Amino acid sequence: MNREKVVALCMLDSIHSARWLSQFQDQETTFLVFPSSPHRRIHPELNRLLDGNHRAKYEIVHLGKYFGLPLWILDKFTNNFFRGLLLNLFIKKYNPTTVHALELQNAGYITLKALENNKPKDLKLIVTNWGSDIFWFQRFPKHKEKIEHLLAIADAYSAECERDVALAKKLGFKGQVMPVIPNAGGFSEANLAMPRLPAEQRKTIALKGYDGWVGRAKISLEAVRSMATELQDYEIVVYSANRSVLELAKKVAQETGLSIKAHGKGKLTHNQVLELFARSKIYVGLSESDGISTSMLEAMAMGAIPVQTSTACCDEWFQDSGVAVHEISVPEVMDAIRKGLVLADDPSHAAKNLETIKQKASAEDVKAIALKFYD
């Protein structure tokens, strides 16, 4: 039997890339991994795939393994000319059955440069929308034009949200729509069986710490500052925080006397984040743009009521068992936190969220769907 040969363009330092690729490790598939962005390191999970003994084979196929940053800088001034040329050469050399661009603004645009005018007829091109790829970037004319051209040559399109499927069709996509599933895979039985504190024992509030570009963690902290009197009985834990968020968290703690612990980006392992949600009453995540927020799903799985900006396709995951934030302002977020704390007092809401995760995001079910992508 001939092995499927897939060129996967992705970010080497991303857990999302690694978790997608790991779903195929027991398949007769060869993945030629083409770096799509500069990176300081290769994610440990991807390194495990590259170094491990699996039925699937994983190999990094261009000089970006060592020269990702210089190539990225050159391509900033040449509209992806160099990496587009490299991708074109590697496609001719390896003759893959499929090219899969995991994300649009890096992987997708490189693929567009390589294939827009000379895509082989027997080559299947899949493009995956990671989150903000269309929802956010469609508002910028140059990006919108590139997205439209990319969708025009793509054979298949995948996204985490029905919202983004509709947006792709609006921008002219006419190919195969892949099933809507979480891009980073689902939750294992072990994850879903992790111990959780009952609602009445939860005295922690988890805050996602991204701020800058579309993240708005500082608004979360300003809301906490304004609610200091109401939150004296809670521990506030900020995770994946930027340096400026770490500084603000320290300042708010000093000024209010609140118990605030802040962890920088990457300082907590995935299991530690899940454990945080398993003892948290609510989770607060604010972003101007997103696909599915992975943190939102993790919070739902672990029993923390999500307080999440509506940009994360909240309506596709919860209705009355979480709080969708429609305006990123201190008063709106304060109100949302209050509502979330009230919801958390009723265990039926956490139970409903866990059932949603089991039905829509179990690792077994998501993997079964993902394995059909390259058929």
Protein backbone atom coordinates (compact mmCIF):
# COMPACT_ATOMS: atom_id res chain seq x y z
CA MET A 1 0.00 0.00 0.00
CA ASN A 2 1.34 3.42 -0.93
CA ARG A 3 1.80 5.81 1.99
CA GLU A 4 -0.09 9.08 1.95
CA LYS A 5 2.44 11.89 1.59
CA VAL A 6 1.40 15.23 3.10
CA VAL A 7 3.29 18.51 3.09
CA ALA A 8 2.07 20.24 6.25
CA LEU A 9 2.89 23.93 6.51
CA CYS A 10 2.72 24.95 10.15
CA MET A 11 4.34 26.79 13.05
CA LEU A 12 7.01 24.56 14.57
CA ASP A 13 6.70 26.12 18.02
CA SER A 14 2.91 25.74 18.24
CA ILE A 15 1.16 23.19 20.45
CA HIS A 16 -1.79 23.39 18.03
CA SER A 17 0.41 22.21 15.14
CA ALA A 18 1.86 19.43 17.25
CA ARG A 19 -1.49 18.24 18.56
CA TRP A 20 -3.00 18.16 15.06
CA LEU A 21 -0.11 16.12 13.66
CA SER A 22 0.03 13.77 16.64
CA GLN A 23 -3.43 12.45 15.81
CA PHE A 24 -1.92 10.66 12.80
CA GLN A 25 1.08 9.00 14.46
CA ASP A 26 -0.43 5.51 14.09
CA GLN A 27 -1.28 5.96 10.38
CA GLU A 28 0.68 4.98 7.27
CA THR A 29 1.31 8.63 6.43
CA THR A 30 4.46 10.62 5.75
CA PHE A 31 4.36 14.23 6.93
CA LEU A 32 6.87 16.58 5.36
CA VAL A 33 6.68 19.49 7.79
CA PHE A 34 7.37 22.89 6.22
CA PRO A 35 7.96 25.70 8.78
CA SER A 36 5.62 28.63 8.18
CA SER A 37 6.97 31.15 10.71
CA PRO A 38 10.12 32.07 12.63
CA HIS A 39 10.61 30.07 15.81
CA ARG A 40 13.01 30.01 18.73
CA ARG A 41 12.45 26.33 19.32
CA ILE A 42 10.51 23.35 18.06
CA HIS A 43 7.63 22.45 20.36
CA PRO A 44 8.50 19.43 22.54
CA GLU A 45 5.45 17.49 21.32
CA LEU A 46 6.50 18.02 17.70
CA ASN A 47 10.06 17.01 18.60
CA ARG A 48 8.61 13.80 20.04
CA LEU A 49 6.96 13.10 16.70
CA LEU A 50 10.14 13.90 14.76
CA ASP A 51 12.34 11.72 16.98
CA GLY A 52 9.92 8.95 17.88
CA ASN A 53 9.22 5.51 16.49
CA HIS A 54 5.75 5.84 14.95
CA ARG A 55 3.94 4.30 12.01
CA ALA A 56 3.64 7.80 10.62
CA LYS A 57 6.86 9.48 9.53
CA TYR A 58 7.58 13.12 10.32
CA GLU A 59 10.37 15.13 8.72
CA ILE A 60 11.15 18.85 8.52
CA VAL A 61 11.84 19.59 4.90
CA HIS A 62 13.43 22.97 4.43
CA LEU A 63 16.19 25.20 5.72
CA GLY A 64 13.68 27.01 7.91
CA LYS A 65 14.54 24.50 10.62
CA TYR A 66 17.68 26.57 11.10
CA PHE A 67 17.07 29.76 9.11
CA GLY A 68 13.39 30.41 9.76
CA LEU A 69 13.93 33.95 11.03
CA PRO A 70 16.18 35.19 8.15
CA LEU A 71 13.81 33.69 5.57
CA TRP A 72 10.84 35.28 7.33
CA ILE A 73 12.58 38.69 7.31
CA LEU A 74 13.42 38.38 3.61
CA ASP A 75 9.86 37.39 2.79
CA LYS A 76 8.48 40.40 4.68
CA PHE A 77 9.96 42.49 1.87
CA THR A 78 9.36 40.09 -1.03
CA ASN A 79 5.77 38.93 -0.48
CA ASN A 80 6.79 35.38 0.51
CA PHE A 81 8.92 34.94 -2.61
CA PHE A 82 11.68 32.81 -1.04
CA ARG A 83 9.56 30.42 1.00
CA GLY A 84 7.04 30.24 -1.85
CA LEU A 85 9.86 29.24 -4.18
CA LEU A 86 11.16 26.67 -1.67
CA LEU A 87 7.70 25.18 -1.23
CA ASN A 88 7.25 24.92 -4.99
CA LEU A 89 10.60 23.13 -5.31
CA PHE A 90 9.80 20.72 -2.49
CA ILE A 91 6.41 19.88 -3.97
CA LYS A 92 8.10 19.01 -7.25
CA LYS A 93 10.77 16.98 -5.42
CA TYR A 94 8.49 15.00 -3.09
CA ASN A 95 5.33 14.83 -5.22
CA PRO A 96 2.95 14.80 -2.23
CA THR A 97 -0.68 13.75 -2.43
CA THR A 98 -1.76 16.68 -0.25
CA VAL A 99 -0.55 20.10 0.81
CA HIS A 100 -2.12 21.28 4.06
CA ALA A 101 -1.73 24.89 5.19
CA LEU A 102 -2.43 24.94 8.92
CA GLU A 103 -3.39 28.62 9.32
CA LEU A 104 -3.77 31.26 6.62
CA GLN A 105 -1.65 34.37 7.22
CA ASN A 106 1.65 32.48 7.30
CA ALA A 107 1.20 28.97 5.91
CA GLY A 108 -1.66 29.96 3.61
CA TYR A 109 0.07 32.95 2.03
CA ILE A 110 3.26 30.95 1.42
CA THR A 111 1.14 28.29 -0.27
CA LEU A 112 -0.61 30.93 -2.36
CA LYS A 113 2.75 32.24 -3.57
CA ALA A 114 3.89 28.72 -4.47
CA LEU A 115 0.75 27.39 -6.15
CA GLU A 116 -1.43 30.22 -7.42
CA ASN A 117 -0.27 29.91 -11.01
CA ASN A 118 1.02 26.32 -11.20
CA LYS A 119 -0.90 24.02 -8.88
CA PRO A 120 -0.66 20.38 -10.07
CA LYS A 121 -4.05 18.97 -11.03
CA ASP A 122 -3.63 15.85 -8.89
CA LEU A 123 -2.52 17.76 -5.78
CA LYS A 124 -5.13 18.27 -3.04
CA LEU A 125 -4.79 21.59 -1.22
CA ILE A 126 -6.39 21.90 2.23
CA VAL A 127 -6.40 25.21 4.07
CA THR A 128 -7.30 25.40 7.75
CA ASN A 129 -8.64 28.53 9.42
CA TRP A 130 -7.09 28.66 12.89
CA GLY A 131 -9.16 31.40 14.45
CA SER A 132 -8.73 35.03 13.48
CA ASP A 133 -7.53 34.18 9.97
CA ILE A 134 -10.67 35.35 8.19
CA PHE A 135 -12.80 36.89 10.97
CA TRP A 136 -10.14 39.50 11.80
CA PHE A 137 -8.08 39.87 8.64
CA GLN A 138 -10.97 40.21 6.17
CA ARG A 139 -11.30 43.84 7.28
CA PHE A 140 -7.93 44.72 5.70
CA PRO A 141 -8.11 45.04 1.87
CA LYS A 142 -4.69 43.48 1.11
CA HIS A 143 -5.35 40.53 3.38
CA LYS A 144 -8.87 40.09 2.06
CA GLU A 145 -7.54 39.89 -1.51
CA LYS A 146 -4.97 37.24 -0.54
CA ILE A 147 -7.56 35.23 1.37
CA GLU A 148 -9.90 35.28 -1.62
CA HIS A 149 -7.12 34.12 -3.97
CA LEU A 150 -6.09 31.37 -1.56
CA LEU A 151 -9.65 30.11 -1.18
CA ALA A 152 -10.01 30.12 -4.96
CA ILE A 153 -7.24 27.54 -5.40
CA ALA A 154 -8.04 25.47 -2.30
CA ASP A 155 -9.76 22.11 -2.76
CA ALA A 156 -10.86 21.84 0.87
CA TYR A 157 -11.33 24.20 3.80
CA SER A 158 -11.55 23.48 7.51
CA ALA A 159 -12.47 25.69 10.45
CA GLU A 160 -13.35 25.47 14.12
CA CYS A 161 -16.52 27.55 13.83
CA GLU A 162 -19.55 27.46 11.56
CA ARG A 163 -19.13 31.25 11.55
CA ASP A 164 -15.85 30.90 9.66
CA VAL A 165 -17.30 28.42 7.16
CA ALA A 166 -19.93 31.02 6.30
CA LEU A 167 -17.25 33.70 5.96
CA ALA A 168 -15.15 31.52 3.63
CA LYS A 169 -18.16 30.92 1.39
CA LYS A 170 -18.89 34.65 1.41
CA LEU A 171 -15.34 35.23 0.17
CA GLY A 172 -15.86 32.83 -2.72
CA PHE A 173 -14.83 29.39 -1.52
CA LYS A 174 -16.57 26.70 -3.58
CA GLY A 175 -14.67 23.55 -2.65
CA GLN A 176 -15.14 20.83 -0.03
CA VAL A 177 -16.01 22.00 3.48
CA MET A 178 -14.41 19.70 6.03
CA PRO A 179 -16.25 18.88 9.28
CA VAL A 180 -16.07 21.62 11.90
CA ILE A 181 -13.85 20.35 14.74
CA PRO A 182 -11.36 21.85 17.22
CA ASN A 183 -8.06 22.40 15.39
CA ALA A 184 -5.97 21.23 18.33
CA GLY A 185 -7.77 17.92 18.77
CA GLY A 186 -10.10 16.93 21.59
CA PHE A 187 -10.04 15.93 25.24
CA SER A 188 -8.82 12.47 26.20
CA GLU A 189 -10.69 10.24 28.61
CA ALA A 190 -7.89 10.87 31.10
CA ASN A 191 -8.42 14.64 30.80
CA LEU A 192 -12.16 14.29 31.33
CA ALA A 193 -11.63 12.01 34.33
CA MET A 194 -9.36 14.47 36.18
CA PRO A 195 -10.55 15.34 39.71
CA ARG A 196 -12.53 18.56 40.05
CA LEU A 197 -13.49 20.56 43.09
CA PRO A 198 -17.24 20.86 43.69
CA ALA A 199 -18.69 24.31 43.03
CA GLU A 200 -19.00 25.28 46.69
CA GLN A 201 -15.28 24.65 47.31
CA ARG A 202 -14.00 26.68 44.37
CA LYS A 203 -12.38 29.93 45.46
CA THR A 204 -10.21 30.69 42.43
CA ILE A 205 -10.79 32.92 39.39
CA ALA A 206 -8.61 32.14 36.34
CA LEU A 207 -7.70 34.97 33.95
CA LYS A 208 -6.10 34.43 30.54
CA GLY A 209 -3.09 36.74 30.43
CA TYR A 210 -2.67 37.58 26.73
CA ASP A 211 -2.57 41.31 26.00
CA GLY A 212 -1.46 42.92 22.75
CA TRP A 213 -2.64 42.47 19.16
CA VAL A 214 -6.15 41.14 19.95
CA GLY A 215 -5.74 39.95 23.56
CA ARG A 216 -7.20 42.23 26.24
CA ALA A 217 -6.07 40.77 29.58
CA LYS A 218 -5.42 44.19 31.07
CA ILE A 219 -9.13 44.95 30.90
CA SER A 220 -9.73 41.79 32.96
CA LEU A 221 -7.29 43.00 35.60
CA GLU A 222 -8.79 46.49 35.64
CA ALA A 223 -12.21 44.89 36.20
CA VAL A 224 -10.74 42.87 39.08
CA ARG A 225 -9.23 46.06 40.53
CA SER A 226 -12.64 47.75 40.43
CA MET A 227 -14.26 44.71 42.07
CA ALA A 228 -11.64 44.33 44.81
CA THR A 229 -14.15 44.54 47.64
CA GLU A 230 -16.35 41.86 46.05
CA LEU A 231 -13.46 39.49 45.33
CA GLN A 232 -11.60 39.52 48.67
CA ASP A 233 -12.47 35.86 49.28
CA TYR A 234 -11.02 34.69 45.94
CA GLU A 235 -7.55 33.88 44.66
CA ILE A 236 -6.97 35.40 41.23
CA VAL A 237 -4.65 33.36 38.98
CA VAL A 238 -3.39 34.94 35.77
CA TYR A 239 -1.74 32.52 33.33
CA SER A 240 0.05 32.88 29.98
CA ALA A 241 0.72 36.51 30.86
CA ASN A 242 2.74 39.01 28.86
CA ARG A 243 5.41 40.93 30.78
CA SER A 244 3.24 44.06 31.00
CA VAL A 245 0.37 41.93 32.36
CA LEU A 246 2.68 40.41 34.98
CA GLU A 247 3.61 43.94 36.08
CA LEU A 248 -0.02 45.09 36.19
CA ALA A 249 -1.05 42.01 38.18
CA LYS A 250 1.62 42.80 40.79
CA LYS A 251 0.48 46.41 40.95
CA VAL A 252 -3.20 45.52 41.35
CA ALA A 253 -2.34 43.04 44.11
CA GLN A 254 -0.33 45.67 45.99
CA GLU A 255 -3.03 48.34 45.64
CA THR A 256 -6.02 46.16 46.53
CA GLY A 257 -4.64 43.52 48.87
CA LEU A 258 -6.12 40.81 46.65
CA SER A 259 -4.38 37.45 46.36
CA ILE A 260 -3.14 37.52 42.77
CA LYS A 261 -0.72 34.98 41.31
CA ALA A 262 0.56 35.54 37.76
CA HIS A 263 2.36 33.07 35.51
CA GLY A 264 4.16 34.02 32.32
CA LYS A 265 3.45 32.50 28.94
CA GLY A 266 4.49 28.84 28.83
CA LYS A 267 5.25 28.65 32.57
CA LEU A 268 2.34 26.30 33.26
CA THR A 269 2.13 22.92 31.57
CA HIS A 270 -1.07 21.84 29.86
CA ASN A 271 -1.95 19.62 32.83
CA GLN A 272 -1.30 22.49 35.24
CA VAL A 273 -3.69 24.71 33.28
CA LEU A 274 -6.33 21.98 33.43
CA GLU A 275 -5.75 21.64 37.18
CA LEU A 276 -6.19 25.40 37.51
CA PHE A 277 -9.56 25.23 35.76
CA ALA A 278 -10.53 22.21 37.86
CA ARG A 279 -10.41 24.37 41.00
CA SER A 280 -11.58 27.68 39.43
CA LYS A 281 -15.08 29.03 39.81
CA ILE A 282 -14.89 30.99 36.56
CA TYR A 283 -12.45 31.53 33.70
CA VAL A 284 -12.15 34.97 32.06
CA GLY A 285 -10.76 35.32 28.51
CA LEU A 286 -10.95 38.54 26.49
CA SER A 287 -9.96 38.89 22.84
CA GLU A 288 -10.98 41.11 19.95
CA SER A 289 -10.85 38.05 17.68
CA ASP A 290 -10.63 34.28 17.98
CA GLY A 291 -11.82 30.97 16.59
CA ILE A 292 -12.73 28.59 19.36
CA SER A 293 -10.81 29.64 22.42
CA THR A 294 -9.01 26.47 23.51
CA SER A 295 -8.93 27.88 27.04
CA MET A 296 -12.71 28.28 26.95
CA LEU A 297 -13.13 24.61 26.05
CA GLU A 298 -10.65 23.57 28.73
CA ALA A 299 -12.54 25.61 31.31
CA MET A 300 -15.84 24.03 30.25
CA ALA A 301 -14.30 20.56 30.49
CA MET A 302 -12.94 21.18 33.99
CA GLY A 303 -16.03 22.80 35.50
CA ALA A 304 -15.05 26.48 35.45
CA ILE A 305 -17.83 28.70 34.06
CA PRO A 306 -16.51 30.50 30.95
CA VAL A 307 -16.64 34.31 30.79
CA GLN A 308 -15.47 34.76 27.22
CA THR A 309 -15.66 37.41 24.54
CA SER A 310 -18.30 36.52 21.96
CA THR A 311 -15.65 36.64 19.21
CA ALA A 312 -14.77 33.03 20.23
CA CYS A 313 -17.92 31.52 18.67
CA CYS A 314 -19.41 31.18 22.16
CA ASP A 315 -22.92 30.71 20.77
CA GLU A 316 -21.77 27.43 19.19
CA TRP A 317 -20.70 26.06 22.60
CA PHE A 318 -22.94 27.48 25.31
CA GLN A 319 -26.10 29.51 25.79
CA ASP A 320 -27.09 29.87 29.46
CA SER A 321 -24.17 27.96 31.01
CA GLY A 322 -21.55 30.65 30.41
CA VAL A 323 -21.27 34.39 29.83
CA ALA A 324 -20.52 35.87 26.41
CA VAL A 325 -18.90 39.30 26.64
CA HIS A 326 -20.05 41.53 23.78
CA GLU A 327 -18.15 44.71 24.68
CA ILE A 328 -14.58 44.81 25.98
CA SER A 329 -14.89 47.47 28.64
CA VAL A 330 -14.32 47.46 32.39
CA PRO A 331 -18.02 47.91 33.30
CA GLU A 332 -19.11 45.16 30.87
CA VAL A 333 -16.46 42.74 32.13
CA MET A 334 -17.32 43.47 35.76
CA ASP A 335 -20.95 42.64 35.03
CA ALA A 336 -19.90 39.46 33.20
CA ILE A 337 -17.75 38.31 36.11
CA ARG A 338 -20.65 38.82 38.50
CA LYS A 339 -22.95 36.81 36.24
CA GLY A 340 -20.35 34.05 35.90
CA LEU A 341 -19.96 33.74 39.67
CA VAL A 342 -23.73 33.40 40.06
CA LEU A 343 -23.88 30.71 37.36
CA ALA A 344 -21.03 28.84 39.04
CA ASP A 345 -23.09 28.42 42.21
CA ASP A 346 -25.48 26.13 40.31
CA PRO A 347 -23.64 22.85 39.50
CA SER A 348 -26.06 22.09 36.65
CA HIS A 349 -24.31 24.66 34.45
CA ALA A 350 -20.90 23.02 34.82
CA ALA A 351 -22.51 19.62 34.19
CA LYS A 352 -24.09 20.92 30.99
CA ASN A 353 -20.75 22.29 29.77
CA LEU A 354 -18.99 18.99 30.47
CA GLU A 355 -21.64 17.13 28.49
CA THR A 356 -21.15 19.55 25.58
CA ILE A 357 -17.41 18.84 25.58
CA LYS A 358 -18.01 15.09 25.65
CA GLN A 359 -20.40 15.35 22.69
CA LYS A 360 -18.40 17.81 20.53
CA ALA A 361 -14.76 17.65 21.61
CA SER A 362 -13.76 14.19 22.81
CA ALA A 363 -10.32 13.20 21.52
CA GLU A 364 -11.63 9.93 20.12
CA ASP A 365 -14.40 11.57 18.09
CA VAL A 366 -12.26 14.47 16.85
CA LYS A 367 -9.47 12.10 15.84
CA ALA A 368 -11.88 9.85 13.92
CA ILE A 369 -12.95 12.87 11.87
CA ALA A 370 -9.40 14.20 11.42
CA LEU A 371 -8.16 10.86 10.08
CA LYS A 372 -10.44 11.26 7.05
CA PHE A 373 -8.95 14.62 6.03
CA TYR A 374 -6.30 13.13 3.75
CA ASP A 375 -8.43 10.41 2.12
